[in-house]
Amino acid sequence: MPFLEVLAENHVQPGDPARETLLRLRADRPITLHSVGMSLGGTDPLDRQHLARLRALAERLEPAAVSDHLAWSSLDGRQLHDLLPVPFLEEAVAHVADRVARAQDALGRRIALENVSGYARFAESELAEWEFLAAVAERADCEILLDVNNVFVSAANLGFAPESYVDALPARRIAQLHIAGHEKHGDALVDTHGAAVAEPVWALFERVLARVGPRPTVLERDRAIPPLALLLDEARKADAVLARCTRDAG
C-alpha cells in the first residue's frame, strides 16, 4: 500500500499550518514520521521538550513508524542542522543505545535508526559501521531504517564493499528502506536527494530485498525535483522491484 513519509520537525510546533492537511492525508493512507532532531548520537542531554512534541505529533497522526538517525546534531545546546557521524567504539554502543532506549520510553514506541552517508571516519573507531548499528539496535531493542543509497555513498567514500554492509545487518531488525539519488563532487559522492537513483543503488536495493524480503520503501527527493511523471516512473520501478521480490519470496 502506498504511504507517505513526513519530516517530523516541520510539524511539531504549536499552530502548525499543515496540521489539518496532515490529518486529511492520514485519513487516506498510512504515514511514517522521520525525525532529524533527536541527536541520538550526541552528548547533550536529550531534549525532553522536543521528544514531548514528537510524541504529541505521533499521537495525532498514529504513524506506522517513527525514525531518526545514527548521528548527532546538537552541541552545547545549539542545533547544528546537520547529521554528524559518531565514532564506532564499543563504549559508544552503550552510550547511543541508552539514548535510543530513553527516547523510545519518552515517545512511548519503538523507533527505527537510520544509517547516514559517510564522508570521513574517526581514526579511533573499533567497529565497522554495520557492526556498530547492529549492536546499538540489539541493545536498545530498536529497529533499523536502512538507507541503501547512504550505504553506497559511504562505501564509495570510505573504501568498503556495500554488499558487506547490507549482508551483515540482522534482517529481523530492518523495518524500512530508503532509496535516493547522489551526485559526484570532486572525488566524493554526496547524498543530495537531488538526482535519480543510480543503477548500482537499484542493484543494491534488489540485493537487500532478496535477503530480507519486501520492506516499506521511501523514494526520497527533496531538491532539483523533476516533473511528476519522472518521479512516478522511479516509484513504479521501485514497485516493480518490490513486487518481483514478493513473488520470489512466495
Protein backbone atom coordinates (compact mmCIF):
# COMPACT_ATOMS: atom_id res chain seq x y z
CA MET A 1 0.00 0.00 0.00
CA PRO A 2 1.38 3.47 -0.84
CA PHE A 3 2.32 5.57 2.18
CA LEU A 4 3.79 8.99 2.92
CA GLU A 5 6.82 9.94 4.98
CA VAL A 6 6.58 13.20 6.93
CA LEU A 7 9.60 15.15 8.19
CA ALA A 8 8.57 15.44 11.82
CA GLU A 9 10.38 18.67 12.75
CA ASN A 10 8.36 20.58 10.15
CA HIS A 11 5.18 19.90 12.11
CA VAL A 12 5.93 19.82 15.85
CA GLN A 13 5.39 23.48 16.68
CA PRO A 14 2.04 24.66 18.09
CA GLY A 15 -0.18 26.13 15.42
CA ASP A 16 1.37 24.13 12.59
CA PRO A 17 -0.49 25.43 9.49
CA ALA A 18 -0.26 22.00 7.84
CA ARG A 19 -1.95 20.13 10.70
CA GLU A 20 -5.32 19.74 9.02
CA THR A 21 -3.69 18.75 5.73
CA LEU A 22 -1.70 16.04 7.52
CA LEU A 23 -4.82 14.74 9.21
CA ARG A 24 -6.63 14.55 5.86
CA LEU A 25 -3.69 12.72 4.31
CA ARG A 26 -3.53 10.36 7.28
CA ALA A 27 -7.21 9.55 6.85
CA ASP A 28 -6.46 8.45 3.30
CA ARG A 29 -3.22 6.48 3.70
CA PRO A 30 -0.54 5.44 6.21
CA ILE A 31 2.11 7.90 7.33
CA THR A 32 5.57 7.46 8.82
CA LEU A 33 7.34 10.14 10.87
CA HIS A 34 11.00 10.79 10.07
CA SER A 35 12.89 12.92 12.60
CA VAL A 36 16.22 14.70 12.16
CA GLY A 37 16.45 16.37 15.57
CA MET A 38 16.74 13.82 18.37
CA SER A 39 20.57 13.87 18.23
CA LEU A 40 20.69 10.27 19.40
CA GLY A 41 24.46 10.03 19.00
CA GLY A 42 25.20 13.26 20.84
CA THR A 43 26.40 14.15 24.31
CA ASP A 44 23.95 16.95 25.11
CA PRO A 45 21.07 15.79 27.32
CA LEU A 46 18.12 14.51 25.31
CA ASP A 47 15.73 17.36 24.57
CA ARG A 48 12.68 16.32 26.59
CA GLN A 49 10.54 19.15 25.25
CA HIS A 50 11.30 18.14 21.69
CA LEU A 51 10.54 14.49 22.45
CA ALA A 52 7.24 15.52 24.05
CA ARG A 53 6.30 17.46 20.92
CA LEU A 54 7.23 14.49 18.75
CA ARG A 55 5.11 12.23 20.92
CA ALA A 56 2.13 14.58 20.63
CA LEU A 57 2.50 14.63 16.83
CA ALA A 58 2.72 10.85 16.74
CA GLU A 59 -0.38 10.51 18.90
CA ARG A 60 -2.29 12.75 16.46
CA LEU A 61 -1.10 11.05 13.27
CA GLU A 62 -0.75 7.46 14.54
CA PRO A 63 2.20 6.77 12.22
CA ALA A 64 3.12 3.31 11.09
CA ALA A 65 6.73 4.04 12.13
CA VAL A 66 8.92 6.72 13.72
CA SER A 67 12.59 7.05 12.81
CA ASP A 68 15.71 9.13 13.33
CA HIS A 69 19.41 8.80 12.54
CA LEU A 70 22.56 7.21 13.85
CA ALA A 71 24.12 10.63 14.22
CA TRP A 72 24.37 13.70 16.41
CA SER A 73 23.09 17.17 15.55
CA SER A 74 23.44 19.37 18.64
CA LEU A 75 26.29 20.54 20.87
CA ASP A 76 26.24 22.75 23.95
CA GLY A 77 22.55 23.40 23.40
CA ARG A 78 22.98 24.58 19.81
CA GLN A 79 21.18 22.78 16.99
CA LEU A 80 23.67 22.35 14.13
CA HIS A 81 21.13 21.28 11.49
CA ASP A 82 23.33 18.50 10.21
CA LEU A 83 23.65 14.75 10.73
CA LEU A 84 27.16 14.23 12.06
CA PRO A 85 28.92 10.87 12.50
CA VAL A 86 29.67 9.05 15.73
CA PRO A 87 32.87 7.12 16.49
CA PHE A 88 32.27 3.40 16.14
CA LEU A 89 33.55 2.38 19.58
CA GLU A 90 32.34 -0.31 21.96
CA GLU A 91 31.95 2.43 24.57
CA ALA A 92 29.80 4.45 22.16
CA VAL A 93 27.48 1.46 21.56
CA ALA A 94 26.37 1.65 25.19
CA HIS A 95 26.06 5.45 25.06
CA VAL A 96 23.93 5.57 21.90
CA ALA A 97 21.82 2.54 22.83
CA ASP A 98 20.98 4.12 26.19
CA ARG A 99 19.88 7.35 24.48
CA VAL A 100 17.78 5.43 21.94
CA ALA A 101 16.13 3.44 24.72
CA ARG A 102 15.34 6.59 26.69
CA ALA A 103 13.99 8.30 23.57
CA GLN A 104 11.74 5.29 22.94
CA ASP A 105 10.47 5.48 26.52
CA ALA A 106 9.70 9.19 26.09
CA LEU A 107 7.91 8.58 22.78
CA GLY A 108 6.06 5.52 24.04
CA ARG A 109 7.07 3.48 20.98
CA ARG A 110 9.99 1.80 19.28
CA ILE A 111 11.85 3.77 16.67
CA ALA A 112 13.94 2.87 13.64
CA LEU A 113 17.53 4.08 13.45
CA GLU A 114 18.82 5.17 10.02
CA ASN A 115 22.40 4.95 8.78
CA VAL A 116 23.73 8.25 7.44
CA SER A 117 26.05 8.86 4.49
CA GLY A 118 29.72 8.89 5.45
CA TYR A 119 32.45 11.26 4.28
CA ALA A 120 35.12 10.62 6.95
CA ARG A 121 35.72 8.12 9.71
CA PHE A 122 37.11 8.54 13.21
CA ALA A 123 40.62 7.09 13.47
CA GLU A 124 39.65 5.68 16.87
CA SER A 125 36.78 3.58 15.52
CA GLU A 126 36.99 -0.08 16.57
CA LEU A 127 33.97 -1.48 14.73
CA ALA A 128 32.67 -1.43 11.19
CA GLU A 129 29.62 0.81 10.88
CA TRP A 130 27.31 -2.13 10.26
CA GLU A 131 28.62 -3.87 13.39
CA PHE A 132 28.02 -0.70 15.39
CA LEU A 133 24.49 -0.17 14.03
CA ALA A 134 23.53 -3.81 14.65
CA ALA A 135 24.91 -3.69 18.20
CA VAL A 136 23.01 -0.49 19.04
CA ALA A 137 19.76 -1.88 17.60
CA GLU A 138 20.15 -5.08 19.59
CA ARG A 139 21.00 -3.38 22.88
CA ALA A 140 18.30 -0.70 22.57
CA ASP A 141 15.77 -3.13 21.04
CA CYS A 142 15.04 -0.71 18.24
CA GLU A 143 14.56 -1.22 14.52
CA ILE A 144 16.73 -0.20 11.57
CA LEU A 145 15.80 2.08 8.69
CA LEU A 146 18.31 1.01 6.07
CA ASP A 147 19.13 3.80 3.63
CA VAL A 148 20.51 1.89 0.65
CA ASN A 149 21.84 4.99 -1.09
CA ASN A 150 23.69 6.06 2.07
CA VAL A 151 25.36 2.66 2.22
CA PHE A 152 26.52 3.03 -1.38
CA VAL A 153 27.76 6.60 -0.84
CA SER A 154 29.63 5.66 2.35
CA ALA A 155 31.18 2.62 0.70
CA ALA A 156 32.49 4.67 -2.22
CA ASN A 157 33.85 7.42 0.05
CA LEU A 158 35.35 5.24 2.78
CA GLY A 159 36.54 2.25 0.79
CA PHE A 160 34.46 -0.78 1.75
CA ALA A 161 32.15 -3.09 -0.17
CA PRO A 162 28.49 -2.01 0.16
CA GLU A 163 27.49 -5.67 -0.03
CA SER A 164 29.39 -6.33 3.20
CA TYR A 165 27.24 -3.73 4.95
CA VAL A 166 23.81 -4.89 3.80
CA ASP A 167 24.63 -8.60 4.14
CA ALA A 168 25.72 -8.23 7.77
CA LEU A 169 22.73 -6.44 9.27
CA PRO A 170 20.15 -8.52 11.17
CA ALA A 171 17.21 -8.92 8.78
CA ARG A 172 14.66 -9.05 11.60
CA ARG A 173 15.65 -5.52 12.67
CA ILE A 174 15.23 -3.91 9.23
CA ALA A 175 11.78 -2.33 9.26
CA GLN A 176 12.00 0.16 6.40
CA LEU A 177 14.19 1.18 3.46
CA HIS A 178 15.17 4.45 1.80
CA ILE A 179 16.43 4.88 -1.74
CA ALA A 180 17.61 8.17 -3.20
CA GLY A 181 20.00 9.80 -5.61
CA HIS A 182 23.54 11.07 -5.12
CA GLU A 183 25.98 13.23 -7.04
CA LYS A 184 29.74 13.24 -7.55
CA HIS A 185 31.60 16.26 -6.19
CA GLY A 186 35.32 16.03 -6.82
CA ASP A 187 36.49 12.65 -5.56
CA ALA A 188 33.49 12.14 -3.26
CA LEU A 189 29.92 11.01 -3.68
CA VAL A 190 27.42 13.25 -1.89
CA ASP A 191 23.95 12.18 -0.77
CA THR A 192 21.95 15.05 -2.23
CA HIS A 193 18.41 13.69 -2.65
CA GLY A 194 18.59 15.72 -5.84
CA ALA A 195 19.18 13.14 -8.56
CA ALA A 196 17.68 9.96 -9.91
CA VAL A 197 18.51 6.71 -8.12
CA ALA A 198 21.74 5.36 -9.62
CA GLU A 199 21.82 1.92 -11.21
CA PRO A 200 24.27 0.48 -8.62
CA VAL A 201 21.88 1.61 -5.88
CA TRP A 202 19.00 -0.17 -7.62
CA ALA A 203 21.16 -3.31 -7.71
CA LEU A 204 21.98 -2.98 -4.01
CA PHE A 205 18.28 -2.42 -3.27
CA GLU A 206 17.45 -5.69 -5.03
CA ARG A 207 20.17 -7.46 -3.07
CA VAL A 208 18.72 -6.21 0.22
CA LEU A 209 15.20 -7.30 -0.71
CA ALA A 210 16.40 -10.72 -1.82
CA ARG A 211 17.92 -11.19 1.62
CA VAL A 212 15.37 -9.61 3.97
CA GLY A 213 12.16 -9.74 1.92
CA PRO A 214 9.90 -6.83 0.94
CA ARG A 215 10.00 -3.82 3.25
CA PRO A 216 8.19 -0.45 3.14
CA THR A 217 10.36 1.77 0.95
CA VAL A 218 10.57 5.55 0.57
CA LEU A 219 11.90 7.18 -2.58
CA GLU A 220 13.48 10.42 -1.31
CA ARG A 221 13.73 13.54 -3.46
CA ASP A 222 13.78 16.98 -1.83
CA ARG A 223 15.77 19.18 -4.21
CA ALA A 224 16.10 19.56 -8.00
CA ILE A 225 12.66 17.99 -8.13
CA PRO A 226 11.85 16.84 -11.70
CA PRO A 227 8.43 16.71 -13.37
CA LEU A 228 5.99 14.47 -11.55
CA ALA A 229 5.97 11.95 -14.40
CA LEU A 230 9.68 11.23 -13.87
CA LEU A 231 9.20 10.76 -10.14
CA LEU A 232 6.32 8.41 -10.76
CA ASP A 233 8.47 6.42 -13.19
CA GLU A 234 11.04 5.91 -10.41
CA ALA A 235 8.31 4.99 -7.96
CA ARG A 236 6.92 2.43 -10.42
CA LYS A 237 10.41 0.98 -10.84
CA ALA A 238 10.67 0.55 -7.06
CA ASP A 239 7.22 -1.02 -7.00
CA ALA A 240 8.27 -3.47 -9.71
CA VAL A 241 11.38 -4.50 -7.76
CA LEU A 242 9.30 -4.96 -4.62
CA ALA A 243 6.67 -6.97 -6.50
CA ARG A 244 9.32 -9.22 -8.04
CA CYS A 245 10.87 -9.77 -4.62
CA THR A 246 7.47 -10.62 -3.17
CA ARG A 247 6.84 -13.18 -5.93
CA ASP A 248 10.26 -14.74 -5.45
CA ALA A 249 9.77 -14.90 -1.68
CA GLY A 250 6.40 -16.62 -2.18
